[in-house]
Amino acid sequence: MGIVARQSIKGSIFSYLGAFIGFVNTIFIVTALMDSEIYGLLGVIVEAGTLLGSFSMMGIGSAGIKFFPFFKSADGKHNGFFFYLLAIPLIGVALFFSLAVIFKAPIISYFSEHASLFVDYFWWIFPLAFFFAYQSVFATYSNVLMRVVVPRFVQEVLVRVLNMAIFVLFGFNIISLQWLVALQVMVYAAAMLVNLFYLSRINKLSLEHDVSFVSPELRKQIARYSCYTLLAVIGSGIMIKIDTFMVGGMLGLSQLGIYRVALFMGVIVEIPSRSLFAIAQPIASEAIKNNNVHALSDLLKKVSINLLLIGTAIFLLLYINRYDIFAIMPNGEYYATGQNVMIFIALANLINITFMFNLYILQLSRYYLYYLPFLLLLTLVGILGNYYLLPVLGITGGALSKLITYAFVSTVLTLFVYWKMKIHPFTIKHLYMVLILVGGIAVDYVLPVFSNPIADGIYRTLLIGGTGAVLVYRLKISPDANQIADNILRKIKLNK
């Protein structure tokens, strides 16, 4: 995939480094030093703030990627593109911050019974939302310039390192709960400023703009697309985060804390998609603009199979070590109630990353208007799933609801994109990967269990992971993965 492979691999290095830091942070620091109720509180604040920040962007993230080719210029100023990226979210900040204040009473009422601690920190979601919105704006500008590595470092590594630092300070009683919340918000302020500084180093940031450059027709297209995308962001944001809010509101912050620990481990599966989607979106936008269906189809298949390959490897790593992870975790017996949550979330994300590039293609195409009705239906499925499953299955119900919703999302989107655009992600290699996944689970089932969790995890990982890697290489599942493996083997031979 050329630049896609290079940039995504570089970005993925930071993504995996961030995942490792997050793993250490969540598994060994949070569970050892922080009460699950406090961790649940931070979860509600961060999720509410990032959701509000996403709304405040007014759809400029996807709109910026779609319409940047129309603004692109050789002088690096891109006809005032940066000015519009800054200005439009200010409208969103004024609008959605006002709505959040207006609806404060019902929000507080929902959380007051089982998550009353959140009520005391409600106002902190507003500065967090502002910082997150502009952190995302600056990352969007970097993405369209095909420079995703540093924003990926900021989001995946810097934020987690800073979080680790403040968690340790709180765990050793160096800072109070009030300072913990305040510094959590400041983490996003730091991320925003670093992204802005990076942009100033790679591009001529200018607020100069010529209103006449944006023709009435282009302005109409951007406004309509942004408004519709905003509705889609609202729907998708609710769909993605509804489990956090409903677990916190219906089961309490302590249960949410356990859920978040398991959720983090399950979310590791989708980490590789972040860099790949970020760099592949502008390429898809260019292909759609040029009506190059062949290039778009090829891109969809490559993105899908590469993410299925990496996602399957991570899912198997979590699945075969599911008992060992909680055995080595501080207070593991307490958090082990989230074991099934981890597996269901991981499987949901594996399905999601394999097929979700259909979503980006649909959003960037002329069929984007069809996306919203599906999304609203899927949001309803997620809400109903949590409403009925949480009281029966507890936190496992929240994870199962997400799995059902993501499976439904993927099926509907894939069928719709094929119907409208005659492209799909499927190849015979997808079937090979499913068989490898099922085979890995079957082998894990019959393997003997060692009493030492570290030794048990190592031998299972080496045996199942090594066999899977050989099969992937021999079956040539991914030309990109085989090329990387060949380069490594060649260097090993030269060093002998």
Protein backbone atom coordinates (compact mmCIF):
# COMPACT_ATOMS: atom_id res chain seq x y z
CA MET A 1 0.00 0.00 0.00
CA GLY A 2 2.99 2.33 -0.28
CA ILE A 3 2.49 5.43 1.85
CA VAL A 4 -0.43 3.75 3.61
CA ALA A 5 1.79 0.93 4.81
CA ARG A 6 4.71 3.20 5.77
CA GLN A 7 2.69 5.73 7.72
CA SER A 8 0.41 3.17 9.35
CA ILE A 9 3.38 1.05 10.45
CA LYS A 10 5.11 4.07 11.98
CA GLY A 11 1.89 5.17 13.63
CA SER A 12 1.22 1.64 14.83
CA ILE A 13 4.59 1.55 16.61
CA PHE A 14 3.36 4.37 18.84
CA SER A 15 -0.07 2.77 19.07
CA TYR A 16 1.43 -0.46 20.40
CA LEU A 17 3.81 1.41 22.68
CA GLY A 18 0.81 3.31 24.00
CA ALA A 19 -1.11 0.05 24.38
CA PHE A 20 1.74 -1.38 26.44
CA ILE A 21 1.85 1.72 28.63
CA GLY A 22 -1.92 1.60 28.96
CA PHE A 23 -1.77 -2.10 29.82
CA VAL A 24 0.76 -1.49 32.59
CA ASN A 25 -1.22 1.52 33.76
CA THR A 26 -4.57 -0.27 33.84
CA ILE A 27 -3.50 -3.73 34.99
CA PHE A 28 -0.83 -2.88 37.55
CA ILE A 29 -1.34 0.74 38.64
CA VAL A 30 -5.08 1.38 38.54
CA THR A 31 -6.00 -1.99 40.05
CA ALA A 32 -3.35 -1.65 42.78
CA LEU A 33 -3.57 2.02 43.72
CA MET A 34 -7.04 3.25 42.79
CA ASP A 35 -10.49 2.34 44.02
CA SER A 36 -12.74 1.10 41.21
CA GLU A 37 -15.29 3.82 42.03
CA ILE A 38 -12.70 6.55 41.40
CA TYR A 39 -11.67 4.91 38.15
CA GLY A 40 -15.33 4.73 37.18
CA LEU A 41 -15.73 8.43 37.98
CA LEU A 42 -12.84 9.33 35.66
CA GLY A 43 -14.42 7.14 33.01
CA VAL A 44 -17.71 9.06 33.08
CA ILE A 45 -15.93 12.45 33.06
CA VAL A 46 -13.61 11.54 30.18
CA GLU A 47 -16.28 9.83 28.09
CA ALA A 48 -18.76 12.66 28.62
CA GLY A 49 -16.11 15.28 27.85
CA THR A 50 -14.83 13.58 24.71
CA LEU A 51 -18.41 12.97 23.53
CA LEU A 52 -19.29 16.64 24.02
CA GLY A 53 -16.05 17.61 22.30
CA SER A 54 -16.85 15.38 19.34
CA PHE A 55 -20.25 17.04 18.97
CA SER A 56 -18.66 20.49 19.22
CA MET A 57 -16.49 19.81 16.17
CA MET A 58 -19.67 20.14 14.07
CA GLY A 59 -18.67 17.33 11.73
CA ILE A 60 -15.48 19.13 10.66
CA GLY A 61 -13.36 15.99 11.13
CA SER A 62 -14.90 13.98 8.29
CA ALA A 63 -15.76 17.10 6.28
CA GLY A 64 -12.14 18.25 6.46
CA ILE A 65 -10.91 14.95 5.06
CA LYS A 66 -13.55 14.86 2.33
CA PHE A 67 -13.14 18.46 1.10
CA PHE A 68 -9.42 19.08 1.67
CA PRO A 69 -8.61 18.10 -1.96
CA PHE A 70 -10.69 21.12 -3.05
CA PHE A 71 -8.61 23.50 -0.88
CA LYS A 72 -5.18 21.95 -1.41
CA SER A 73 -2.59 24.33 -2.89
CA ALA A 74 1.13 24.30 -3.64
CA ASP A 75 1.93 27.27 -1.36
CA GLY A 76 1.01 25.29 1.78
CA LYS A 77 -1.69 27.73 2.88
CA HIS A 78 -4.40 25.62 1.28
CA ASN A 79 -6.71 28.56 0.63
CA GLY A 80 -7.62 29.26 4.26
CA PHE A 81 -8.38 25.64 5.17
CA PHE A 82 -6.83 26.02 8.64
CA PHE A 83 -9.00 29.08 9.38
CA TYR A 84 -12.18 27.13 8.71
CA LEU A 85 -10.95 24.22 10.83
CA LEU A 86 -10.55 26.61 13.75
CA ALA A 87 -13.68 28.67 13.27
CA ILE A 88 -16.37 26.05 12.74
CA PRO A 89 -15.86 24.19 16.06
CA LEU A 90 -16.29 27.49 17.92
CA ILE A 91 -19.89 27.47 16.73
CA GLY A 92 -20.22 23.94 18.05
CA VAL A 93 -18.72 24.89 21.41
CA ALA A 94 -21.27 27.67 21.84
CA LEU A 95 -24.17 25.45 20.76
CA PHE A 96 -23.47 22.17 22.52
CA PHE A 97 -22.06 23.66 25.70
CA SER A 98 -25.30 25.63 26.01
CA LEU A 99 -27.37 22.47 25.46
CA ALA A 100 -25.34 20.60 28.10
CA VAL A 101 -26.08 23.36 30.62
CA ILE A 102 -29.77 23.38 29.71
CA PHE A 103 -30.05 19.60 30.16
CA LYS A 104 -27.91 19.51 33.29
CA ALA A 105 -30.85 18.64 35.55
CA PRO A 106 -31.93 15.38 33.81
CA ILE A 107 -28.27 14.34 33.39
CA ILE A 108 -27.61 14.84 37.09
CA SER A 109 -30.84 13.05 37.95
CA TYR A 110 -29.83 9.99 35.91
CA PHE A 111 -26.49 9.60 37.70
CA SER A 112 -27.59 10.75 41.17
CA GLU A 113 -28.75 7.37 42.51
CA HIS A 114 -25.89 5.02 41.54
CA ALA A 115 -23.13 7.47 40.53
CA SER A 116 -23.65 10.49 42.76
CA LEU A 117 -19.92 11.28 42.86
CA PHE A 118 -20.11 12.38 39.23
CA VAL A 119 -22.56 15.12 40.19
CA ASP A 120 -19.81 16.93 42.13
CA TYR A 121 -17.53 17.02 39.08
CA PHE A 122 -20.06 17.70 36.33
CA TRP A 123 -18.57 21.05 35.24
CA TRP A 124 -15.16 19.55 34.48
CA ILE A 125 -16.51 17.97 31.31
CA PHE A 126 -16.64 21.39 29.58
CA PRO A 127 -12.93 22.32 29.54
CA LEU A 128 -12.09 18.70 28.73
CA ALA A 129 -14.51 18.83 25.79
CA PHE A 130 -12.90 22.02 24.45
CA PHE A 131 -9.36 20.64 24.65
CA PHE A 132 -10.39 17.34 23.09
CA ALA A 133 -12.21 19.06 20.23
CA TYR A 134 -9.19 21.10 19.19
CA GLN A 135 -6.78 18.25 19.78
CA SER A 136 -8.89 16.37 17.21
CA VAL A 137 -9.04 19.37 14.87
CA PHE A 138 -5.26 19.65 14.78
CA ALA A 139 -4.94 15.89 14.31
CA THR A 140 -7.36 16.08 11.37
CA TYR A 141 -5.18 18.69 9.68
CA SER A 142 -2.14 16.46 10.17
CA ASN A 143 -4.05 13.51 8.73
CA VAL A 144 -4.95 15.28 5.48
CA LEU A 145 -1.30 16.26 5.15
CA MET A 146 -0.44 12.54 5.39
CA ARG A 147 1.40 13.09 8.69
CA VAL A 148 -0.26 10.84 11.25
CA VAL A 149 2.70 9.68 13.31
CA VAL A 150 3.08 12.54 15.80
CA PRO A 151 -0.67 12.96 16.45
CA ARG A 152 -0.76 9.20 16.98
CA PHE A 153 2.14 9.53 19.47
CA VAL A 154 0.27 12.27 21.30
CA GLN A 155 -2.98 10.32 21.54
CA GLU A 156 -1.56 6.88 22.23
CA VAL A 157 1.64 7.54 24.21
CA LEU A 158 1.76 11.05 25.65
CA VAL A 159 -1.77 10.99 27.06
CA ARG A 160 -1.19 7.59 28.67
CA VAL A 161 2.18 8.54 30.16
CA LEU A 162 0.66 11.65 31.71
CA ASN A 163 -2.29 9.63 32.98
CA MET A 164 0.10 7.13 34.54
CA ALA A 165 1.91 9.94 36.32
CA ILE A 166 -1.22 11.46 37.85
CA PHE A 167 -2.59 8.03 38.82
CA VAL A 168 0.62 7.28 40.71
CA LEU A 169 0.50 10.68 42.42
CA PHE A 170 -3.07 10.00 43.51
CA GLY A 171 -2.36 6.41 44.52
CA PHE A 172 0.38 7.55 46.91
CA ASN A 173 -1.83 10.32 48.32
CA ILE A 174 0.35 13.11 46.90
CA ILE A 175 -2.64 14.76 45.24
CA SER A 176 -6.31 14.85 46.20
CA LEU A 177 -9.29 13.64 44.19
CA GLN A 178 -9.99 17.23 43.12
CA TRP A 179 -6.46 17.55 41.73
CA LEU A 180 -6.74 14.14 40.08
CA VAL A 181 -9.77 15.30 38.10
CA ALA A 182 -8.21 18.68 37.29
CA LEU A 183 -4.96 17.12 36.06
CA GLN A 184 -6.93 14.57 34.00
CA VAL A 185 -8.45 17.52 32.14
CA MET A 186 -5.04 19.20 31.78
CA VAL A 187 -3.73 16.07 30.05
CA TYR A 188 -6.00 16.88 27.11
CA ALA A 189 -4.89 20.51 27.17
CA ALA A 190 -1.28 19.34 26.84
CA ALA A 191 -2.21 17.01 23.97
CA MET A 192 -3.93 19.87 22.15
CA LEU A 193 -0.93 22.19 22.50
CA VAL A 194 1.56 19.55 21.33
CA ASN A 195 -0.53 18.86 18.22
CA LEU A 196 -0.71 22.58 17.48
CA PHE A 197 3.04 22.99 17.88
CA TYR A 198 3.68 20.04 15.55
CA LEU A 199 1.40 21.53 12.91
CA SER A 200 3.31 24.81 13.09
CA ARG A 201 6.51 22.89 12.30
CA ILE A 202 5.24 20.97 9.27
CA ASN A 203 2.95 23.50 7.61
CA LYS A 204 2.47 27.21 7.15
CA LEU A 205 -0.30 27.94 9.60
CA SER A 206 -2.18 30.97 8.41
CA LEU A 207 -5.56 32.44 9.22
CA GLU A 208 -5.63 34.20 5.87
CA HIS A 209 -8.63 33.19 3.85
CA ASP A 210 -10.50 34.39 0.82
CA VAL A 211 -14.22 33.94 1.21
CA SER A 212 -14.67 34.22 -2.55
CA PHE A 213 -12.57 31.07 -3.04
CA VAL A 214 -15.36 28.99 -1.51
CA SER A 215 -17.99 29.08 -4.21
CA PRO A 216 -21.66 29.07 -3.18
CA GLU A 217 -21.99 25.52 -4.48
CA LEU A 218 -18.94 24.28 -2.55
CA ARG A 219 -20.11 26.11 0.56
CA LYS A 220 -23.49 24.44 0.25
CA GLN A 221 -21.88 21.02 -0.14
CA ILE A 222 -19.62 21.53 2.89
CA ALA A 223 -22.46 22.84 5.06
CA ARG A 224 -24.80 20.01 4.12
CA TYR A 225 -22.12 17.36 4.56
CA SER A 226 -20.95 18.82 7.89
CA CYS A 227 -24.47 19.03 9.29
CA TYR A 228 -25.27 15.51 8.24
CA THR A 229 -21.94 14.24 9.54
CA LEU A 230 -22.66 15.98 12.85
CA LEU A 231 -25.84 13.96 13.18
CA ALA A 232 -23.84 10.84 12.36
CA VAL A 233 -21.21 11.75 14.98
CA ILE A 234 -23.94 12.21 17.57
CA GLY A 235 -25.40 8.82 16.71
CA SER A 236 -22.07 6.98 16.54
CA GLY A 237 -20.78 8.70 19.68
CA ILE A 238 -23.81 7.61 21.65
CA MET A 239 -23.58 4.10 20.18
CA ILE A 240 -19.89 3.72 21.11
CA LYS A 241 -20.09 5.22 24.61
CA ILE A 242 -23.59 4.25 25.66
CA ASP A 243 -22.36 1.19 27.55
CA THR A 244 -20.13 3.34 29.78
CA PHE A 245 -22.93 5.74 30.67
CA MET A 246 -25.54 3.02 31.18
CA VAL A 247 -23.23 0.81 33.27
CA GLY A 248 -22.36 3.82 35.43
CA GLY A 249 -25.95 5.01 35.72
CA MET A 250 -27.60 1.62 36.24
CA LEU A 251 -24.93 -0.38 38.10
CA GLY A 252 -22.80 2.30 39.78
CA LEU A 253 -19.28 3.71 39.48
CA SER A 254 -17.61 0.72 41.19
CA GLN A 255 -19.00 -1.68 38.59
CA LEU A 256 -18.06 0.82 35.89
CA GLY A 257 -14.50 0.79 37.21
CA ILE A 258 -14.32 -3.00 36.77
CA TYR A 259 -15.95 -2.67 33.36
CA ARG A 260 -13.39 -0.05 32.27
CA VAL A 261 -10.44 -2.27 33.22
CA ALA A 262 -11.83 -5.11 31.10
CA LEU A 263 -12.92 -2.69 28.39
CA PHE A 264 -9.40 -1.35 27.99
CA MET A 265 -7.99 -4.81 27.37
CA GLY A 266 -10.70 -5.57 24.81
CA VAL A 267 -10.17 -2.26 23.03
CA ILE A 268 -6.51 -3.16 22.40
CA VAL A 269 -7.77 -5.17 19.41
CA GLU A 270 -8.83 -2.04 17.54
CA ILE A 271 -5.63 -0.05 18.13
CA PRO A 272 -4.04 -0.99 14.75
CA SER A 273 -7.03 0.47 12.92
CA ARG A 274 -6.44 3.99 14.20
CA SER A 275 -3.33 4.74 12.18
CA LEU A 276 -4.46 2.76 9.15
CA PHE A 277 -7.88 4.40 8.98
CA ALA A 278 -6.34 7.84 9.49
CA ILE A 279 -3.95 7.51 6.56
CA ALA A 280 -6.31 5.52 4.31
CA GLN A 281 -9.21 7.98 4.52
CA PRO A 282 -7.57 10.74 2.44
CA ILE A 283 -6.58 8.13 -0.17
CA ALA A 284 -10.16 6.86 -0.28
CA SER A 285 -11.39 10.43 -0.62
CA GLU A 286 -9.08 10.99 -3.58
CA ALA A 287 -10.22 7.74 -5.23
CA ILE A 288 -13.87 8.69 -4.76
CA LYS A 289 -13.27 12.14 -6.18
CA ASN A 290 -11.64 10.60 -9.27
CA ASN A 291 -14.34 7.90 -9.50
CA ASN A 292 -11.62 5.23 -9.34
CA VAL A 293 -13.71 2.27 -8.20
CA HIS A 294 -10.92 -0.25 -8.79
CA ALA A 295 -8.49 1.61 -6.52
CA LEU A 296 -11.19 2.03 -3.88
CA SER A 297 -12.07 -1.67 -3.95
CA ASP A 298 -8.41 -2.66 -3.71
CA LEU A 299 -7.88 -0.28 -0.78
CA LEU A 300 -10.94 -1.66 1.05
CA LYS A 301 -9.76 -5.27 0.70
CA LYS A 302 -6.21 -4.48 1.81
CA VAL A 303 -7.31 -2.46 4.82
CA SER A 304 -9.77 -5.17 5.86
CA ILE A 305 -7.45 -8.17 5.60
CA ASN A 306 -4.52 -6.41 7.27
CA LEU A 307 -6.70 -5.37 10.20
CA LEU A 308 -8.28 -8.82 10.45
CA LEU A 309 -4.80 -10.33 10.57
CA ILE A 310 -3.48 -8.04 13.29
CA GLY A 311 -6.76 -8.00 15.19
CA THR A 312 -6.97 -11.80 15.22
CA ALA A 313 -3.46 -12.03 16.63
CA ILE A 314 -4.32 -9.64 19.46
CA PHE A 315 -7.68 -11.31 20.13
CA LEU A 316 -6.05 -14.73 20.40
CA LEU A 317 -3.38 -13.27 22.68
CA LEU A 318 -6.10 -12.02 25.02
CA TYR A 319 -8.25 -15.13 24.77
CA ILE A 320 -5.58 -17.74 25.47
CA ASN A 321 -4.25 -15.67 28.38
CA ARG A 322 -7.63 -14.66 29.81
CA TYR A 323 -7.13 -16.53 33.10
CA ASP A 324 -3.45 -15.65 33.42
CA ILE A 325 -4.04 -11.90 32.98
CA PHE A 326 -6.38 -11.70 35.96
CA ALA A 327 -4.15 -14.06 37.96
CA ILE A 328 -1.18 -11.66 37.82
CA MET A 329 -3.28 -8.51 38.21
CA PRO A 330 -3.31 -6.83 41.64
CA ASN A 331 -6.71 -7.54 43.21
CA GLY A 332 -7.31 -9.86 40.27
CA GLU A 333 -10.06 -11.83 42.02
CA TYR A 334 -12.09 -8.63 42.37
CA TYR A 335 -11.63 -7.62 38.73
CA ALA A 336 -12.03 -11.17 37.35
CA THR A 337 -15.77 -10.58 37.08
CA GLY A 338 -14.87 -8.58 33.96
CA GLN A 339 -13.23 -11.54 32.19
CA ASN A 340 -16.15 -12.16 29.85
CA VAL A 341 -16.41 -8.42 29.28
CA MET A 342 -12.84 -8.43 27.96
CA ILE A 343 -13.55 -11.31 25.54
CA PHE A 344 -16.85 -9.93 24.22
CA ILE A 345 -15.40 -6.43 23.76
CA ALA A 346 -12.33 -7.86 22.01
CA LEU A 347 -14.49 -9.90 19.64
CA ALA A 348 -16.74 -6.90 18.99
CA ASN A 349 -13.74 -4.79 18.07
CA LEU A 350 -12.30 -7.54 15.86
CA ILE A 351 -15.52 -7.54 13.84
CA ASN A 352 -15.59 -3.77 13.85
CA ILE A 353 -12.10 -3.14 12.47
CA THR A 354 -12.46 -5.85 9.81
CA PHE A 355 -15.48 -4.24 8.18
CA MET A 356 -15.68 -0.67 9.45
CA PHE A 357 -13.70 0.91 6.60
CA ASN A 358 -17.00 0.52 4.74
CA LEU A 359 -18.27 3.23 7.07
CA TYR A 360 -15.54 5.69 6.08
CA ILE A 361 -16.08 4.98 2.40
CA LEU A 362 -19.81 5.56 2.79
CA GLN A 363 -19.23 8.83 4.66
CA LEU A 364 -16.86 10.08 1.97
CA SER A 365 -19.05 9.05 -0.97
CA ARG A 366 -22.12 10.65 -2.52
CA TYR A 367 -24.22 8.11 -0.62
CA TYR A 368 -23.41 9.56 2.79
CA LEU A 369 -27.03 10.67 3.29
CA TYR A 370 -28.05 7.02 3.60
CA TYR A 371 -25.74 6.48 6.54
CA LEU A 372 -27.73 8.32 9.19
CA PRO A 373 -30.93 6.20 9.20
CA PHE A 374 -28.83 3.06 9.67
CA LEU A 375 -26.85 4.69 12.45
CA LEU A 376 -29.94 5.82 14.32
CA LEU A 377 -31.30 2.27 14.15
CA LEU A 378 -28.02 0.86 15.40
CA THR A 379 -27.90 3.36 18.25
CA LEU A 380 -31.37 2.22 19.25
CA VAL A 381 -30.16 -1.41 19.18
CA GLY A 382 -27.29 -0.49 21.50
CA ILE A 383 -29.52 1.34 23.96
CA LEU A 384 -32.12 -1.42 24.04
CA GLY A 385 -29.42 -4.08 24.37
CA ASN A 386 -27.94 -2.39 27.42
CA TYR A 387 -31.33 -1.64 28.91
CA TYR A 388 -32.43 -5.28 28.83
CA LEU A 389 -29.09 -7.08 29.30
CA LEU A 390 -27.48 -5.02 32.08
CA PRO A 391 -30.09 -5.87 34.75
CA VAL A 392 -29.85 -9.58 33.85
CA LEU A 393 -26.14 -10.11 33.12
CA GLY A 394 -24.53 -7.15 34.89
CA ILE A 395 -21.44 -5.69 33.23
CA THR A 396 -21.24 -8.73 30.93
CA GLY A 397 -24.55 -7.59 29.45
CA GLY A 398 -23.00 -4.27 28.44
CA ALA A 399 -20.21 -6.04 26.57
CA LEU A 400 -22.58 -8.51 24.93
CA SER A 401 -24.78 -5.64 23.80
CA LYS A 402 -21.76 -3.99 22.14
CA LEU A 403 -20.88 -7.26 20.38
CA ILE A 404 -24.42 -7.63 19.01
CA THR A 405 -24.51 -4.00 17.92
CA TYR A 406 -21.13 -4.11 16.16
CA ALA A 407 -22.01 -7.35 14.38
CA PHE A 408 -25.24 -5.78 13.16
CA VAL A 409 -23.43 -2.57 12.11
CA SER A 410 -20.86 -4.48 10.10
CA THR A 411 -23.41 -6.65 8.33
CA VAL A 412 -25.69 -3.77 7.35
CA LEU A 413 -22.89 -1.48 6.19
CA THR A 414 -21.12 -4.15 4.16
CA LEU A 415 -24.31 -5.13 2.36
CA PHE A 416 -25.28 -1.53 1.73
CA VAL A 417 -21.90 -0.47 0.36
CA TYR A 418 -21.87 -3.47 -1.95
CA TRP A 419 -25.40 -2.68 -3.13
CA LYS A 420 -24.63 0.94 -3.89
CA MET A 421 -20.95 0.88 -4.91
CA LYS A 422 -20.35 -2.75 -5.93
CA ILE A 423 -17.31 -3.12 -3.70
CA HIS A 424 -16.75 -5.38 -0.70
CA PRO A 425 -13.85 -6.35 1.58
CA PHE A 426 -14.07 -10.14 1.20
CA THR A 427 -11.34 -12.40 -0.14
CA ILE A 428 -10.56 -16.09 0.39
CA LYS A 429 -7.93 -14.91 2.84
CA HIS A 430 -10.66 -13.76 5.21
CA LEU A 431 -11.85 -17.37 5.41
CA TYR A 432 -8.30 -18.54 6.11
CA MET A 433 -8.05 -16.09 9.00
CA VAL A 434 -11.38 -17.27 10.49
CA LEU A 435 -10.13 -20.86 10.37
CA ILE A 436 -6.85 -19.87 12.04
CA LEU A 437 -8.83 -18.07 14.76
CA VAL A 438 -11.12 -21.06 15.40
CA GLY A 439 -8.13 -23.40 15.33
CA GLY A 440 -6.27 -21.29 17.89
CA ILE A 441 -9.27 -21.35 20.24
CA ALA A 442 -9.61 -25.13 19.82
CA VAL A 443 -5.93 -25.75 20.57
CA ASP A 444 -6.11 -23.53 23.65
CA TYR A 445 -9.03 -25.62 24.91
CA VAL A 446 -7.06 -28.90 24.89
CA LEU A 447 -3.71 -27.57 26.16
CA PRO A 448 -2.78 -28.42 29.77
CA VAL A 449 -2.83 -25.59 32.30
CA PHE A 450 0.32 -24.68 34.25
CA SER A 451 -0.07 -23.56 37.84
CA ASN A 452 2.28 -20.60 37.28
CA PRO A 453 0.28 -18.01 35.27
CA ILE A 454 3.37 -16.40 33.72
CA ALA A 455 4.76 -19.72 32.52
CA ASP A 456 1.30 -20.78 31.34
CA GLY A 457 0.86 -17.59 29.35
CA ILE A 458 4.31 -17.77 27.75
CA TYR A 459 4.02 -21.35 26.55
CA ARG A 460 0.48 -20.86 25.19
CA THR A 461 1.47 -17.68 23.39
CA LEU A 462 4.60 -19.20 21.84
CA LEU A 463 2.86 -22.40 20.76
CA ILE A 464 -0.39 -20.98 19.39
CA GLY A 465 1.08 -17.67 18.24
CA GLY A 466 4.06 -19.30 16.54
CA THR A 467 1.88 -21.81 14.70
CA GLY A 468 -0.49 -19.05 13.61
CA ALA A 469 2.36 -16.88 12.35
CA VAL A 470 3.73 -19.73 10.21
CA LEU A 471 0.29 -20.39 8.74
CA VAL A 472 -0.22 -16.69 7.95
CA TYR A 473 3.15 -16.53 6.21
CA ARG A 474 2.69 -19.76 4.24
CA LEU A 475 -0.84 -18.86 3.14
CA LYS A 476 0.32 -15.34 2.16
CA ILE A 477 -2.59 -13.74 3.98
CA SER A 478 -1.08 -10.26 3.70
CA PRO A 479 1.55 -9.24 1.12
CA ASP A 480 2.52 -6.37 3.42
CA ALA A 481 3.06 -8.71 6.38
CA ASN A 482 5.02 -11.17 4.24
CA GLN A 483 7.22 -8.38 2.94
CA ILE A 484 8.00 -7.25 6.47
CA ALA A 485 8.77 -10.84 7.48
CA ASP A 486 11.00 -11.34 4.43
CA ASN A 487 12.94 -8.17 5.23
CA ILE A 488 13.48 -9.34 8.81
CA LEU A 489 14.60 -12.80 7.69
CA ARG A 490 16.93 -11.26 5.11
CA LYS A 491 18.59 -9.06 7.72
CA ILE A 492 18.98 -12.03 10.07
CA LYS A 493 20.72 -14.00 7.31
CA LEU A 494 23.03 -11.09 6.49
CA ASN A 495 24.03 -10.71 10.15
CA LYS A 496 25.01 -14.36 10.47
